[in-house]
Amino acid sequence: MEMLIMLVVMGGIFYLFIVRPAKKKKELNEIQFGMNSKIIDYFCKQESCLSKNMTDDEYMRLVIEKRDSLDLRQKAINKIGLDEDEIREIPPAMFEGFVFSNAYAKRRADGKWVSSSYQVSWVFFSSTQVYLYSYTFKMDEDVKIETTDEFFYKDVTSFSTSSETETAKGLQGKTFTVESNKFAMIVPGTSLYKSMDGVPDADSIIQAMKQKLREKKQ
């Protein structure tokens, strides 16, 4: 009898900690695979009377939902390791937009370009340094790129905007170029470019950053 009870208990433990998590993971993977397929279809599959892709608005809603779920402002602050009080020299700047290089892309009905890769960047200003945090995620696969850079004001050459041509993927694997606007942070030896097409007031934000940089260099 004791042996039977022990086998039942062990079986329950095995199910709870081995079988059930594996089953859940498989279900989540199947859901994610299905969503990835729908996203690739959105970019690469032509609609017909027998099949419909997700709409532009549906795709944008998915992108924004994923962006918001990541809580990237807090993630950036945690990454640079500073308190809120230490990065209030001027309000933090946020830039965001699609990244087209090596991503699926298409032109929406309203003429704007979207891609399967999205980037959010935060710039923070302390009394002595500038911190740049960037997070790029893909909608069609579980891939992310996270970077953090920091520079003393004296080492920052300039903040500016730049136009960049990127090579994207489309229908039937064909590649094409898309021109996008970038925020540029120039430092000796390198230039850091971040997407900013999703920020309507980017120019005014950059002007404030330029003014602070001039003040710190005087």
Protein backbone atom coordinates (compact mmCIF):
# COMPACT_ATOMS: atom_id res chain seq x y z
CA MET A 1 0.00 0.00 0.00
CA GLU A 2 2.80 2.39 0.91
CA MET A 3 4.53 1.57 -2.37
CA LEU A 4 1.33 2.37 -4.30
CA ILE A 5 0.94 5.72 -2.53
CA MET A 6 4.57 6.54 -3.25
CA LEU A 7 4.14 5.72 -6.94
CA VAL A 8 1.03 7.90 -7.13
CA VAL A 9 2.83 10.81 -5.45
CA MET A 10 5.86 10.43 -7.72
CA GLY A 11 3.59 10.27 -10.75
CA GLY A 12 1.86 13.46 -9.66
CA ILE A 13 5.16 15.23 -9.16
CA PHE A 14 6.41 14.03 -12.55
CA TYR A 15 3.26 15.37 -14.24
CA LEU A 16 3.30 18.73 -12.45
CA PHE A 17 6.97 19.48 -12.95
CA ILE A 18 7.88 17.64 -16.17
CA VAL A 19 4.89 16.72 -18.33
CA ARG A 20 2.68 19.75 -17.70
CA PRO A 21 5.41 22.40 -18.29
CA ALA A 22 6.54 20.59 -21.45
CA LYS A 23 2.95 20.45 -22.70
CA LYS A 24 2.44 24.13 -21.92
CA LYS A 25 5.66 25.06 -23.67
CA LYS A 26 4.62 23.07 -26.73
CA GLU A 27 1.24 24.83 -26.81
CA LEU A 28 2.91 28.24 -26.52
CA ASN A 29 5.38 27.35 -29.27
CA GLU A 30 2.51 26.28 -31.53
CA ILE A 31 0.69 29.56 -30.85
CA GLN A 32 3.87 31.55 -31.52
CA PHE A 33 4.58 29.58 -34.68
CA GLY A 34 1.07 30.28 -35.92
CA MET A 35 1.46 34.00 -35.19
CA ASN A 36 4.88 34.10 -36.87
CA SER A 37 3.38 32.48 -39.96
CA LYS A 38 0.59 35.08 -40.07
CA ILE A 39 3.11 37.89 -39.81
CA ILE A 40 5.27 36.47 -42.60
CA ASP A 41 2.11 36.05 -44.70
CA TYR A 42 1.28 39.72 -44.04
CA PHE A 43 4.57 40.73 -45.63
CA CYS A 44 5.10 38.02 -48.24
CA LYS A 45 1.77 36.52 -49.28
CA GLN A 46 -0.49 38.13 -51.82
CA GLU A 47 -4.16 38.13 -50.89
CA SER A 48 -6.74 36.25 -52.94
CA CYS A 49 -10.46 35.74 -52.80
CA LEU A 50 -9.81 32.55 -50.80
CA SER A 51 -7.40 33.94 -48.20
CA LYS A 52 -7.02 37.18 -46.28
CA ASN A 53 -3.94 38.53 -44.54
CA MET A 54 -4.05 40.57 -41.36
CA THR A 55 -4.76 44.26 -41.98
CA ASP A 56 -2.26 47.10 -41.58
CA ASP A 57 -4.02 48.23 -38.41
CA GLU A 58 -3.98 44.72 -36.96
CA TYR A 59 -0.25 44.44 -37.56
CA MET A 60 0.48 47.83 -36.01
CA ARG A 61 -1.60 46.91 -32.99
CA LEU A 62 0.54 43.78 -32.50
CA VAL A 63 3.74 45.83 -32.74
CA ILE A 64 2.57 48.40 -30.20
CA GLU A 65 1.31 45.71 -27.83
CA LYS A 66 4.68 43.97 -27.91
CA ARG A 67 6.55 47.26 -27.48
CA ASP A 68 4.44 48.26 -24.47
CA SER A 69 4.68 44.82 -22.85
CA LEU A 70 8.48 45.14 -22.70
CA ASP A 71 8.44 48.25 -20.43
CA LEU A 72 11.60 49.48 -22.17
CA ARG A 73 12.01 52.75 -20.27
CA GLN A 74 12.36 50.88 -16.99
CA LYS A 75 14.45 48.19 -18.64
CA ALA A 76 16.81 50.92 -19.89
CA ILE A 77 17.13 52.53 -16.44
CA ASN A 78 17.85 49.15 -14.87
CA LYS A 79 20.46 48.44 -17.53
CA ILE A 80 22.42 51.68 -17.07
CA GLY A 81 22.22 51.28 -13.29
CA LEU A 82 21.21 54.83 -12.32
CA ASP A 83 18.38 56.27 -10.26
CA GLU A 84 15.72 58.50 -11.80
CA ASP A 85 17.13 61.47 -9.89
CA GLU A 86 20.52 61.03 -11.56
CA ILE A 87 19.20 61.33 -15.12
CA ARG A 88 17.10 64.49 -14.97
CA GLU A 89 19.52 66.94 -16.55
CA ILE A 90 16.91 67.23 -19.32
CA PRO A 91 13.89 64.97 -19.98
CA PRO A 92 14.94 61.57 -21.41
CA ALA A 93 14.51 61.29 -25.18
CA MET A 94 12.79 58.32 -26.79
CA PHE A 95 13.17 57.36 -30.45
CA GLU A 96 11.40 54.49 -32.16
CA GLY A 97 10.57 53.09 -35.56
CA PHE A 98 10.92 50.17 -37.93
CA VAL A 99 14.28 48.75 -38.96
CA PHE A 100 14.39 47.48 -42.54
CA SER A 101 17.82 45.93 -42.90
CA ASN A 102 17.48 42.12 -43.23
CA ALA A 103 13.79 42.30 -42.30
CA TYR A 104 10.53 41.76 -44.16
CA ALA A 105 8.98 45.04 -45.29
CA LYS A 106 6.00 46.37 -47.20
CA ARG A 107 4.31 49.66 -47.99
CA ARG A 108 1.03 50.14 -46.14
CA ALA A 109 -2.14 51.36 -47.81
CA ASP A 110 -1.42 54.87 -46.46
CA GLY A 111 1.99 54.89 -48.17
CA LYS A 112 4.09 54.38 -45.04
CA TRP A 113 6.63 51.59 -44.80
CA VAL A 114 6.58 48.94 -42.07
CA SER A 115 8.84 45.98 -41.38
CA SER A 116 9.09 42.88 -39.22
CA SER A 117 11.76 44.50 -37.04
CA TYR A 118 11.11 47.35 -34.59
CA GLN A 119 13.51 49.45 -32.54
CA VAL A 120 13.09 51.60 -29.43
CA SER A 121 15.92 53.76 -28.10
CA TRP A 122 16.17 55.86 -24.94
CA VAL A 123 18.71 58.63 -24.36
CA PHE A 124 19.31 59.73 -20.75
CA PHE A 125 21.30 62.70 -19.49
CA SER A 126 23.10 62.86 -16.15
CA SER A 127 25.22 65.77 -14.95
CA THR A 128 28.33 64.27 -16.54
CA GLN A 129 27.31 61.67 -19.12
CA VAL A 130 24.95 60.69 -21.93
CA TYR A 131 23.49 57.17 -21.91
CA LEU A 132 22.06 55.50 -25.00
CA TYR A 133 19.96 52.35 -24.65
CA SER A 134 18.52 50.52 -27.65
CA TYR A 135 16.25 47.49 -27.97
CA THR A 136 15.36 45.92 -31.32
CA PHE A 137 12.84 43.09 -31.55
CA LYS A 138 11.50 41.01 -34.42
CA MET A 139 7.83 40.25 -34.94
CA ASP A 140 8.36 37.11 -37.02
CA GLU A 141 10.78 35.30 -34.71
CA ASP A 142 11.97 35.32 -31.11
CA VAL A 143 15.02 37.52 -31.65
CA LYS A 144 16.11 40.68 -29.84
CA ILE A 145 19.16 42.96 -29.88
CA GLU A 146 19.85 45.02 -26.76
CA THR A 147 22.70 47.55 -26.53
CA THR A 148 23.85 50.14 -23.99
CA ASP A 149 26.40 52.91 -24.56
CA GLU A 150 27.58 55.77 -22.36
CA PHE A 151 29.79 58.76 -23.08
CA PHE A 152 31.03 61.84 -21.29
CA TYR A 153 29.67 65.05 -22.81
CA LYS A 154 33.16 66.09 -23.90
CA ASP A 155 33.40 62.92 -26.00
CA VAL A 156 30.13 63.45 -27.89
CA THR A 157 30.73 65.24 -31.18
CA SER A 158 27.09 65.87 -32.11
CA PHE A 159 23.46 64.79 -32.22
CA SER A 160 21.85 64.89 -35.64
CA THR A 161 19.48 63.23 -38.10
CA SER A 162 20.46 61.13 -41.05
CA SER A 163 18.79 59.41 -43.98
CA GLU A 164 19.78 55.79 -44.50
CA THR A 165 19.04 53.28 -47.27
CA GLU A 166 18.40 49.76 -46.02
CA THR A 167 17.89 46.50 -47.88
CA ALA A 168 14.67 44.68 -46.96
CA LYS A 169 12.87 41.49 -48.04
CA GLY A 170 9.47 41.24 -49.69
CA LEU A 171 7.29 39.06 -51.90
CA GLN A 172 8.84 35.79 -53.08
CA GLY A 173 12.12 36.56 -51.32
CA LYS A 174 12.87 39.59 -53.47
CA THR A 175 15.00 42.32 -51.92
CA PHE A 176 14.56 46.05 -52.33
CA THR A 177 15.74 49.26 -50.68
CA VAL A 178 13.85 51.48 -48.26
CA GLU A 179 14.96 54.92 -47.13
CA SER A 180 14.44 55.72 -43.47
CA ASN A 181 15.29 58.55 -41.08
CA LYS A 182 17.73 57.94 -38.25
CA PHE A 183 18.79 59.68 -35.08
CA ALA A 184 22.58 59.90 -35.10
CA MET A 185 24.89 60.20 -32.13
CA ILE A 186 28.41 60.95 -33.31
CA VAL A 187 31.41 60.17 -31.11
CA PRO A 188 35.10 59.85 -32.02
CA GLY A 189 35.67 56.66 -33.95
CA THR A 190 32.03 55.70 -34.44
CA SER A 191 28.51 56.86 -35.26
CA LEU A 192 25.43 55.34 -33.63
CA TYR A 193 22.26 55.35 -35.74
CA LYS A 194 18.80 54.63 -34.33
CA SER A 195 15.39 54.52 -35.99
CA MET A 196 13.20 57.59 -35.41
CA ASP A 197 10.47 57.43 -38.07
CA GLY A 198 7.91 56.66 -35.36
CA VAL A 199 8.51 59.97 -33.51
CA PRO A 200 6.65 62.96 -35.04
CA ASP A 201 8.44 65.59 -32.91
CA ALA A 202 11.93 64.08 -33.26
CA ASP A 203 13.47 67.30 -34.60
CA SER A 204 12.43 69.37 -31.58
CA ILE A 205 13.69 66.64 -29.24
CA ILE A 206 17.07 66.63 -30.96
CA GLN A 207 17.28 70.43 -30.82
CA ALA A 208 16.90 70.26 -27.01
CA MET A 209 19.63 67.64 -26.89
CA LYS A 210 21.93 69.81 -29.00
CA GLN A 211 21.35 72.77 -26.67
CA LYS A 212 22.26 70.71 -23.60
CA LEU A 213 25.39 69.41 -25.34
CA ARG A 214 26.47 72.97 -26.17
CA GLU A 215 25.96 74.01 -22.55
CA LYS A 216 28.04 71.12 -21.27
CA LYS A 217 30.88 71.82 -23.68
CA GLN A 218 31.18 75.50 -22.74
